[in-house]
């Protein structure tokens, strides 16, 4: 998997991590479209 611009709240980031685990996906890359927080 490639994780693009993961956001924004702590529980939402947890949910994204849950999804990767549920689908047995490993993040191969992260990608940020630009450098805003």
ModelCIF file with pLDDT and N, C-alpha, C, O atoms, coordinates in Angstrom:
data_MODEL
#
_entry.id   MODEL 
#
_entity.id                         1 
_entity.type                       polymer 
_entity.pdbx_number_of_molecules   1 
#
_entity_poly.entity_id                      1 
_entity_poly.type                           'polypeptide(L)' 
_entity_poly.nstd_linkage                   no 
_entity_poly.nstd_monomer                   no 
_entity_poly.pdbx_seq_one_letter_code       
;(UNK)(UNK)(UNK)(UNK)(UNK)(UNK)(UNK)(UNK)(UNK)(UNK)(UNK)(UNK)(UNK)(UNK)(UNK)(UNK)
(UNK)(UNK)(UNK)(UNK)(UNK)(UNK)(UNK)(UNK)(UNK)(UNK)(UNK)(UNK)(UNK)(UNK)(UNK)(UNK)
(UNK)(UNK)(UNK)(UNK)(UNK)
;
_entity_poly.pdbx_seq_one_letter_code_can   XXXXXXXXXXXXXXXXXXXXXXXXXXXXXXXXXXXXX 
_entity_poly.pdbx_strand_id                 A 
#
loop_
_entity_poly_seq.entity_id 
_entity_poly_seq.num 
_entity_poly_seq.mon_id 
_entity_poly_seq.hetero 
1 1  UNK n 
1 2  UNK n 
1 3  UNK n 
1 4  UNK n 
1 5  UNK n 
1 6  UNK n 
1 7  UNK n 
1 8  UNK n 
1 9  UNK n 
1 10 UNK n 
1 11 UNK n 
1 12 UNK n 
1 13 UNK n 
1 14 UNK n 
1 15 UNK n 
1 16 UNK n 
1 17 UNK n 
1 18 UNK n 
1 19 UNK n 
1 20 UNK n 
1 21 UNK n 
1 22 UNK n 
1 23 UNK n 
1 24 UNK n 
1 25 UNK n 
1 26 UNK n 
1 27 UNK n 
1 28 UNK n 
1 29 UNK n 
1 30 UNK n 
1 31 UNK n 
1 32 UNK n 
1 33 UNK n 
1 34 UNK n 
1 35 UNK n 
1 36 UNK n 
1 37 UNK n 
#
_struct_asym.id          A 
_struct_asym.entity_id   1 
#
loop_
_ma_qa_metric.id 
_ma_qa_metric.mode 
_ma_qa_metric.name 
_ma_qa_metric.software_group_id 
_ma_qa_metric.type 
1 global pLDDT . pLDDT 
2 local  pLDDT . pLDDT 
#
_ma_qa_metric_global.metric_id      1 
_ma_qa_metric_global.metric_value   96.62 
_ma_qa_metric_global.model_id       1 
_ma_qa_metric_global.ordinal_id     1 
#
loop_
_ma_qa_metric_local.label_asym_id 
_ma_qa_metric_local.label_comp_id 
_ma_qa_metric_local.label_seq_id 
_ma_qa_metric_local.metric_id 
_ma_qa_metric_local.metric_value 
_ma_qa_metric_local.model_id 
_ma_qa_metric_local.ordinal_id 
A UNK 1  2 98.00 1 1  
A UNK 2  2 98.00 1 2  
A UNK 3  2 98.00 1 3  
A UNK 4  2 98.00 1 4  
A UNK 5  2 98.00 1 5  
A UNK 6  2 97.00 1 6  
A UNK 7  2 94.00 1 7  
A UNK 8  2 91.00 1 8  
A UNK 9  2 95.00 1 9  
A UNK 10 2 96.00 1 10 
A UNK 11 2 96.00 1 11 
A UNK 12 2 96.00 1 12 
A UNK 13 2 97.00 1 13 
A UNK 14 2 96.00 1 14 
A UNK 15 2 95.00 1 15 
A UNK 16 2 96.00 1 16 
A UNK 17 2 97.00 1 17 
A UNK 18 2 95.00 1 18 
A UNK 19 2 94.00 1 19 
A UNK 20 2 96.00 1 20 
A UNK 21 2 96.00 1 21 
A UNK 22 2 94.00 1 22 
A UNK 23 2 95.00 1 23 
A UNK 24 2 97.00 1 24 
A UNK 25 2 98.00 1 25 
A UNK 26 2 98.00 1 26 
A UNK 27 2 98.00 1 27 
A UNK 28 2 98.00 1 28 
A UNK 29 2 98.00 1 29 
A UNK 30 2 98.00 1 30 
A UNK 31 2 98.00 1 31 
A UNK 32 2 98.00 1 32 
A UNK 33 2 98.00 1 33 
A UNK 34 2 98.00 1 34 
A UNK 35 2 98.00 1 35 
A UNK 36 2 97.00 1 36 
A UNK 37 2 97.00 1 37 
#
loop_
_atom_site.group_PDB 
_atom_site.id 
_atom_site.type_symbol 
_atom_site.label_atom_id 
_atom_site.label_alt_id 
_atom_site.label_comp_id 
_atom_site.label_asym_id 
_atom_site.label_entity_id 
_atom_site.label_seq_id 
_atom_site.pdbx_PDB_ins_code 
_atom_site.Cartn_x 
_atom_site.Cartn_y 
_atom_site.Cartn_z 
_atom_site.occupancy 
_atom_site.B_iso_or_equiv 
_atom_site.pdbx_formal_charge 
_atom_site.auth_seq_id 
_atom_site.auth_comp_id 
_atom_site.auth_asym_id 
_atom_site.auth_atom_id 
_atom_site.pdbx_PDB_model_num 
ATOM 1   N N  . UNK A 1 1  ? 0.827  -1.204 0.000  1.00 98.00 ? 1  UNK A N  1 
ATOM 2   C CA . UNK A 1 1  ? 0.000  0.000  0.000  1.00 98.00 ? 1  UNK A CA 1 
ATOM 3   C C  . UNK A 1 1  ? 0.864  1.257  0.000  1.00 98.00 ? 1  UNK A C  1 
ATOM 4   O O  . UNK A 1 1  ? 1.989  1.265  0.501  1.00 98.00 ? 1  UNK A O  1 
ATOM 5   N N  . UNK A 1 2  ? 0.308  2.309  -0.572 1.00 98.00 ? 2  UNK A N  1 
ATOM 6   C CA . UNK A 1 2  ? 0.863  3.661  -0.459 1.00 98.00 ? 2  UNK A CA 1 
ATOM 7   C C  . UNK A 1 2  ? -0.154 4.494  0.294  1.00 98.00 ? 2  UNK A C  1 
ATOM 8   O O  . UNK A 1 2  ? -1.325 4.546  -0.084 1.00 98.00 ? 2  UNK A O  1 
ATOM 9   N N  . UNK A 1 3  ? 0.283  5.141  1.349  1.00 98.00 ? 3  UNK A N  1 
ATOM 10  C CA . UNK A 1 3  ? -0.597 5.962  2.166  1.00 98.00 ? 3  UNK A CA 1 
ATOM 11  C C  . UNK A 1 3  ? -0.354 7.427  1.795  1.00 98.00 ? 3  UNK A C  1 
ATOM 12  O O  . UNK A 1 3  ? 0.729  7.964  2.024  1.00 98.00 ? 3  UNK A O  1 
ATOM 13  N N  . UNK A 1 4  ? -1.377 8.062  1.219  1.00 98.00 ? 4  UNK A N  1 
ATOM 14  C CA . UNK A 1 4  ? -1.258 9.427  0.701  1.00 98.00 ? 4  UNK A CA 1 
ATOM 15  C C  . UNK A 1 4  ? -1.984 10.397 1.635  1.00 98.00 ? 4  UNK A C  1 
ATOM 16  O O  . UNK A 1 4  ? -3.187 10.265 1.858  1.00 98.00 ? 4  UNK A O  1 
ATOM 17  N N  . UNK A 1 5  ? -1.256 11.361 2.174  1.00 98.00 ? 5  UNK A N  1 
ATOM 18  C CA . UNK A 1 5  ? -1.833 12.434 2.996  1.00 98.00 ? 5  UNK A CA 1 
ATOM 19  C C  . UNK A 1 5  ? -2.734 11.922 4.119  1.00 98.00 ? 5  UNK A C  1 
ATOM 20  O O  . UNK A 1 5  ? -3.876 12.371 4.219  1.00 98.00 ? 5  UNK A O  1 
ATOM 21  N N  . UNK A 1 6  ? -2.271 11.004 4.965  1.00 97.00 ? 6  UNK A N  1 
ATOM 22  C CA . UNK A 1 6  ? -3.145 10.516 6.034  1.00 97.00 ? 6  UNK A CA 1 
ATOM 23  C C  . UNK A 1 6  ? -3.501 11.638 7.016  1.00 97.00 ? 6  UNK A C  1 
ATOM 24  O O  . UNK A 1 6  ? -2.637 12.402 7.445  1.00 97.00 ? 6  UNK A O  1 
ATOM 25  N N  . UNK A 1 7  ? -4.800 11.720 7.363  1.00 94.00 ? 7  UNK A N  1 
ATOM 26  C CA . UNK A 1 7  ? -5.262 12.829 8.207  1.00 94.00 ? 7  UNK A CA 1 
ATOM 27  C C  . UNK A 1 7  ? -6.577 12.455 8.882  1.00 94.00 ? 7  UNK A C  1 
ATOM 28  O O  . UNK A 1 7  ? -7.204 11.512 8.400  1.00 94.00 ? 7  UNK A O  1 
ATOM 29  N N  . UNK A 1 8  ? -7.063 13.097 9.949  1.00 91.00 ? 8  UNK A N  1 
ATOM 30  C CA . UNK A 1 8  ? -6.339 14.248 10.507 1.00 91.00 ? 8  UNK A CA 1 
ATOM 31  C C  . UNK A 1 8  ? -6.258 14.030 12.010 1.00 91.00 ? 8  UNK A C  1 
ATOM 32  O O  . UNK A 1 8  ? -5.245 14.340 12.639 1.00 91.00 ? 8  UNK A O  1 
ATOM 33  N N  . UNK A 1 9  ? -7.347 13.488 12.588 1.00 95.00 ? 9  UNK A N  1 
ATOM 34  C CA . UNK A 1 9  ? -7.390 13.325 14.037 1.00 95.00 ? 9  UNK A CA 1 
ATOM 35  C C  . UNK A 1 9  ? -6.788 11.980 14.449 1.00 95.00 ? 9  UNK A C  1 
ATOM 36  O O  . UNK A 1 9  ? -6.652 11.066 13.635 1.00 95.00 ? 9  UNK A O  1 
ATOM 37  N N  . UNK A 1 10 ? -6.434 11.883 15.724 1.00 96.00 ? 10 UNK A N  1 
ATOM 38  C CA . UNK A 1 10 ? -5.754 10.684 16.211 1.00 96.00 ? 10 UNK A CA 1 
ATOM 39  C C  . UNK A 1 10 ? -6.590 9.434  15.984 1.00 96.00 ? 10 UNK A C  1 
ATOM 40  O O  . UNK A 1 10 ? -6.062 8.407  15.557 1.00 96.00 ? 10 UNK A O  1 
ATOM 41  N N  . UNK A 1 11 ? -7.898 9.508  16.267 1.00 96.00 ? 11 UNK A N  1 
ATOM 42  C CA . UNK A 1 11 ? -8.736 8.327  16.076 1.00 96.00 ? 11 UNK A CA 1 
ATOM 43  C C  . UNK A 1 11 ? -8.883 7.969  14.611 1.00 96.00 ? 11 UNK A C  1 
ATOM 44  O O  . UNK A 1 11 ? -9.055 6.799  14.269 1.00 96.00 ? 11 UNK A O  1 
ATOM 45  N N  . UNK A 1 12 ? -8.816 8.968  13.746 1.00 96.00 ? 12 UNK A N  1 
ATOM 46  C CA . UNK A 1 12 ? -8.920 8.719  12.306 1.00 96.00 ? 12 UNK A CA 1 
ATOM 47  C C  . UNK A 1 12 ? -7.639 8.060  11.785 1.00 96.00 ? 12 UNK A C  1 
ATOM 48  O O  . UNK A 1 12 ? -7.696 7.167  10.939 1.00 96.00 ? 12 UNK A O  1 
ATOM 49  N N  . UNK A 1 13 ? -6.512 8.494  12.282 1.00 97.00 ? 13 UNK A N  1 
ATOM 50  C CA . UNK A 1 13 ? -5.260 7.831  11.920 1.00 97.00 ? 13 UNK A CA 1 
ATOM 51  C C  . UNK A 1 13 ? -5.252 6.392  12.434 1.00 97.00 ? 13 UNK A C  1 
ATOM 52  O O  . UNK A 1 13 ? -4.760 5.489  11.756 1.00 97.00 ? 13 UNK A O  1 
ATOM 53  N N  . UNK A 1 14 ? -5.796 6.181  13.631 1.00 96.00 ? 14 UNK A N  1 
ATOM 54  C CA . UNK A 1 14 ? -5.954 4.812  14.149 1.00 96.00 ? 14 UNK A CA 1 
ATOM 55  C C  . UNK A 1 14 ? -6.809 3.972  13.209 1.00 96.00 ? 14 UNK A C  1 
ATOM 56  O O  . UNK A 1 14 ? -6.495 2.813  12.935 1.00 96.00 ? 14 UNK A O  1 
ATOM 57  N N  . UNK A 1 15 ? -7.889 4.566  12.720 1.00 95.00 ? 15 UNK A N  1 
ATOM 58  C CA . UNK A 1 15 ? -8.791 3.824  11.826 1.00 95.00 ? 15 UNK A CA 1 
ATOM 59  C C  . UNK A 1 15 ? -8.089 3.446  10.524 1.00 95.00 ? 15 UNK A C  1 
ATOM 60  O O  . UNK A 1 15 ? -8.299 2.353  10.000 1.00 95.00 ? 15 UNK A O  1 
ATOM 61  N N  . UNK A 1 16 ? -7.264 4.338  10.006 1.00 96.00 ? 16 UNK A N  1 
ATOM 62  C CA . UNK A 1 16 ? -6.492 4.007  8.806  1.00 96.00 ? 16 UNK A CA 1 
ATOM 63  C C  . UNK A 1 16 ? -5.540 2.847  9.079  1.00 96.00 ? 16 UNK A C  1 
ATOM 64  O O  . UNK A 1 16 ? -5.380 1.955  8.246  1.00 96.00 ? 16 UNK A O  1 
ATOM 65  N N  . UNK A 1 17 ? -4.915 2.868  10.247 1.00 97.00 ? 17 UNK A N  1 
ATOM 66  C CA . UNK A 1 17 ? -4.029 1.758  10.615 1.00 97.00 ? 17 UNK A CA 1 
ATOM 67  C C  . UNK A 1 17 ? -4.820 0.463  10.759 1.00 97.00 ? 17 UNK A C  1 
ATOM 68  O O  . UNK A 1 17 ? -4.343 -0.600 10.362 1.00 97.00 ? 17 UNK A O  1 
ATOM 69  N N  . UNK A 1 18 ? -6.027 0.543  11.325 1.00 95.00 ? 18 UNK A N  1 
ATOM 70  C CA . UNK A 1 18 ? -6.888 -0.634 11.433 1.00 95.00 ? 18 UNK A CA 1 
ATOM 71  C C  . UNK A 1 18 ? -7.193 -1.205 10.058 1.00 95.00 ? 18 UNK A C  1 
ATOM 72  O O  . UNK A 1 18 ? -7.169 -2.420 9.861  1.00 95.00 ? 18 UNK A O  1 
ATOM 73  N N  . UNK A 1 19 ? -7.476 -0.327 9.113  1.00 94.00 ? 19 UNK A N  1 
ATOM 74  C CA . UNK A 1 19 ? -7.813 -0.778 7.763  1.00 94.00 ? 19 UNK A CA 1 
ATOM 75  C C  . UNK A 1 19 ? -6.660 -1.547 7.131  1.00 94.00 ? 19 UNK A C  1 
ATOM 76  O O  . UNK A 1 19 ? -6.856 -2.609 6.540  1.00 94.00 ? 19 UNK A O  1 
ATOM 77  N N  . UNK A 1 20 ? -5.465 -1.004 7.262  1.00 96.00 ? 20 UNK A N  1 
ATOM 78  C CA . UNK A 1 20 ? -4.300 -1.704 6.721  1.00 96.00 ? 20 UNK A CA 1 
ATOM 79  C C  . UNK A 1 20 ? -4.184 -3.093 7.342  1.00 96.00 ? 20 UNK A C  1 
ATOM 80  O O  . UNK A 1 20 ? -3.920 -4.072 6.645  1.00 96.00 ? 20 UNK A O  1 
ATOM 81  N N  . UNK A 1 21 ? -4.383 -3.171 8.660  1.00 96.00 ? 21 UNK A N  1 
ATOM 82  C CA . UNK A 1 21 ? -4.274 -4.456 9.350  1.00 96.00 ? 21 UNK A CA 1 
ATOM 83  C C  . UNK A 1 21 ? -5.385 -5.407 8.910  1.00 96.00 ? 21 UNK A C  1 
ATOM 84  O O  . UNK A 1 21 ? -5.132 -6.587 8.665  1.00 96.00 ? 21 UNK A O  1 
ATOM 85  N N  . UNK A 1 22 ? -6.614 -4.898 8.810  1.00 94.00 ? 22 UNK A N  1 
ATOM 86  C CA . UNK A 1 22 ? -7.739 -5.736 8.416  1.00 94.00 ? 22 UNK A CA 1 
ATOM 87  C C  . UNK A 1 22 ? -7.542 -6.339 7.027  1.00 94.00 ? 22 UNK A C  1 
ATOM 88  O O  . UNK A 1 22 ? -7.925 -7.482 6.777  1.00 94.00 ? 22 UNK A O  1 
ATOM 89  N N  . UNK A 1 23 ? -6.950 -5.573 6.142  1.00 95.00 ? 23 UNK A N  1 
ATOM 90  C CA . UNK A 1 23 ? -6.746 -6.034 4.769  1.00 95.00 ? 23 UNK A CA 1 
ATOM 91  C C  . UNK A 1 23 ? -5.373 -6.681 4.576  1.00 95.00 ? 23 UNK A C  1 
ATOM 92  O O  . UNK A 1 23 ? -4.991 -7.051 3.466  1.00 95.00 ? 23 UNK A O  1 
ATOM 93  N N  . UNK A 1 24 ? -4.645 -6.806 5.685  1.00 97.00 ? 24 UNK A N  1 
ATOM 94  C CA . UNK A 1 24 ? -3.299 -7.395 5.655  1.00 97.00 ? 24 UNK A CA 1 
ATOM 95  C C  . UNK A 1 24 ? -2.409 -6.685 4.629  1.00 97.00 ? 24 UNK A C  1 
ATOM 96  O O  . UNK A 1 24 ? -1.686 -7.310 3.853  1.00 97.00 ? 24 UNK A O  1 
ATOM 97  N N  . UNK A 1 25 ? -2.497 -5.365 4.661  1.00 98.00 ? 25 UNK A N  1 
ATOM 98  C CA . UNK A 1 25 ? -1.685 -4.537 3.785  1.00 98.00 ? 25 UNK A CA 1 
ATOM 99  C C  . UNK A 1 25 ? -0.501 -3.964 4.560  1.00 98.00 ? 25 UNK A C  1 
ATOM 100 O O  . UNK A 1 25 ? -0.623 -3.604 5.731  1.00 98.00 ? 25 UNK A O  1 
ATOM 101 N N  . UNK A 1 26 ? 0.633  -3.888 3.895  1.00 98.00 ? 26 UNK A N  1 
ATOM 102 C CA . UNK A 1 26 ? 1.829  -3.279 4.462  1.00 98.00 ? 26 UNK A CA 1 
ATOM 103 C C  . UNK A 1 26 ? 2.120  -1.989 3.717  1.00 98.00 ? 26 UNK A C  1 
ATOM 104 O O  . UNK A 1 26 ? 2.189  -1.974 2.488  1.00 98.00 ? 26 UNK A O  1 
ATOM 105 N N  . UNK A 1 27 ? 2.291  -0.908 4.463  1.00 98.00 ? 27 UNK A N  1 
ATOM 106 C CA . UNK A 1 27 ? 2.613  0.372  3.831  1.00 98.00 ? 27 UNK A CA 1 
ATOM 107 C C  . UNK A 1 27 ? 4.028  0.315  3.273  1.00 98.00 ? 27 UNK A C  1 
ATOM 108 O O  . UNK A 1 27 ? 5.005  0.226  4.017  1.00 98.00 ? 27 UNK A O  1 
ATOM 109 N N  . UNK A 1 28 ? 4.116  0.369  1.949  1.00 98.00 ? 28 UNK A N  1 
ATOM 110 C CA . UNK A 1 28 ? 5.416  0.386  1.281  1.00 98.00 ? 28 UNK A CA 1 
ATOM 111 C C  . UNK A 1 28 ? 5.962  1.798  1.160  1.00 98.00 ? 28 UNK A C  1 
ATOM 112 O O  . UNK A 1 28 ? 7.174  2.001  1.084  1.00 98.00 ? 28 UNK A O  1 
ATOM 113 N N  . UNK A 1 29 ? 5.050  2.785  1.141  1.00 98.00 ? 29 UNK A N  1 
ATOM 114 C CA . UNK A 1 29 ? 5.430  4.177  0.974  1.00 98.00 ? 29 UNK A CA 1 
ATOM 115 C C  . UNK A 1 29 ? 4.405  5.065  1.665  1.00 98.00 ? 29 UNK A C  1 
ATOM 116 O O  . UNK A 1 29 ? 3.247  4.690  1.843  1.00 98.00 ? 29 UNK A O  1 
ATOM 117 N N  . UNK A 1 30 ? 4.859  6.237  2.043  1.00 98.00 ? 30 UNK A N  1 
ATOM 118 C CA . UNK A 1 30 ? 3.959  7.342  2.335  1.00 98.00 ? 30 UNK A CA 1 
ATOM 119 C C  . UNK A 1 30 ? 4.199  8.419  1.303  1.00 98.00 ? 30 UNK A C  1 
ATOM 120 O O  . UNK A 1 30 ? 5.321  8.572  0.819  1.00 98.00 ? 30 UNK A O  1 
ATOM 121 N N  . UNK A 1 31 ? 3.163  9.169  0.954  1.00 98.00 ? 31 UNK A N  1 
ATOM 122 C CA . UNK A 1 31 ? 3.331  10.275 0.017  1.00 98.00 ? 31 UNK A CA 1 
ATOM 123 C C  . UNK A 1 31 ? 2.571  11.490 0.545  1.00 98.00 ? 31 UNK A C  1 
ATOM 124 O O  . UNK A 1 31 ? 1.397  11.394 0.902  1.00 98.00 ? 31 UNK A O  1 
ATOM 125 N N  . UNK A 1 32 ? 3.254  12.628 0.589  1.00 98.00 ? 32 UNK A N  1 
ATOM 126 C CA . UNK A 1 32 ? 2.631  13.905 0.944  1.00 98.00 ? 32 UNK A CA 1 
ATOM 127 C C  . UNK A 1 32 ? 2.548  14.767 -0.298 1.00 98.00 ? 32 UNK A C  1 
ATOM 128 O O  . UNK A 1 32 ? 3.555  14.992 -0.968 1.00 98.00 ? 32 UNK A O  1 
ATOM 129 N N  . UNK A 1 33 ? 1.350  15.253 -0.613 1.00 98.00 ? 33 UNK A N  1 
ATOM 130 C CA . UNK A 1 33 ? 1.201  16.063 -1.812 1.00 98.00 ? 33 UNK A CA 1 
ATOM 131 C C  . UNK A 1 33 ? 1.873  17.421 -1.680 1.00 98.00 ? 33 UNK A C  1 
ATOM 132 O O  . UNK A 1 33 ? 2.288  18.012 -2.677 1.00 98.00 ? 33 UNK A O  1 
ATOM 133 N N  . UNK A 1 34 ? 1.980  17.920 -0.445 1.00 98.00 ? 34 UNK A N  1 
ATOM 134 C CA . UNK A 1 34 ? 2.669  19.192 -0.232 1.00 98.00 ? 34 UNK A CA 1 
ATOM 135 C C  . UNK A 1 34 ? 2.952  19.357 1.257  1.00 98.00 ? 34 UNK A C  1 
ATOM 136 O O  . UNK A 1 34 ? 2.523  18.546 2.079  1.00 98.00 ? 34 UNK A O  1 
ATOM 137 N N  . UNK A 1 35 ? 3.677  20.417 1.587  1.00 98.00 ? 35 UNK A N  1 
ATOM 138 C CA . UNK A 1 35 ? 4.213  20.549 2.944  1.00 98.00 ? 35 UNK A CA 1 
ATOM 139 C C  . UNK A 1 35 ? 3.380  21.470 3.822  1.00 98.00 ? 35 UNK A C  1 
ATOM 140 O O  . UNK A 1 35 ? 3.923  22.367 4.468  1.00 98.00 ? 35 UNK A O  1 
ATOM 141 N N  . UNK A 1 36 ? 2.065  21.261 3.855  1.00 97.00 ? 36 UNK A N  1 
ATOM 142 C CA . UNK A 1 36 ? 1.219  21.897 4.853  1.00 97.00 ? 36 UNK A CA 1 
ATOM 143 C C  . UNK A 1 36 ? 0.903  20.885 5.938  1.00 97.00 ? 36 UNK A C  1 
ATOM 144 O O  . UNK A 1 36 ? 0.856  19.682 5.680  1.00 97.00 ? 36 UNK A O  1 
ATOM 145 N N  . UNK A 1 37 ? 0.686  21.377 7.162  1.00 97.00 ? 37 UNK A N  1 
ATOM 146 C CA . UNK A 1 37 ? 0.682  20.485 8.324  1.00 97.00 ? 37 UNK A CA 1 
ATOM 147 C C  . UNK A 1 37 ? -0.330 19.349 8.225  1.00 97.00 ? 37 UNK A C  1 
ATOM 148 O O  . UNK A 1 37 ? -0.432 18.531 9.139  1.00 97.00 ? 37 UNK A O  1 
#
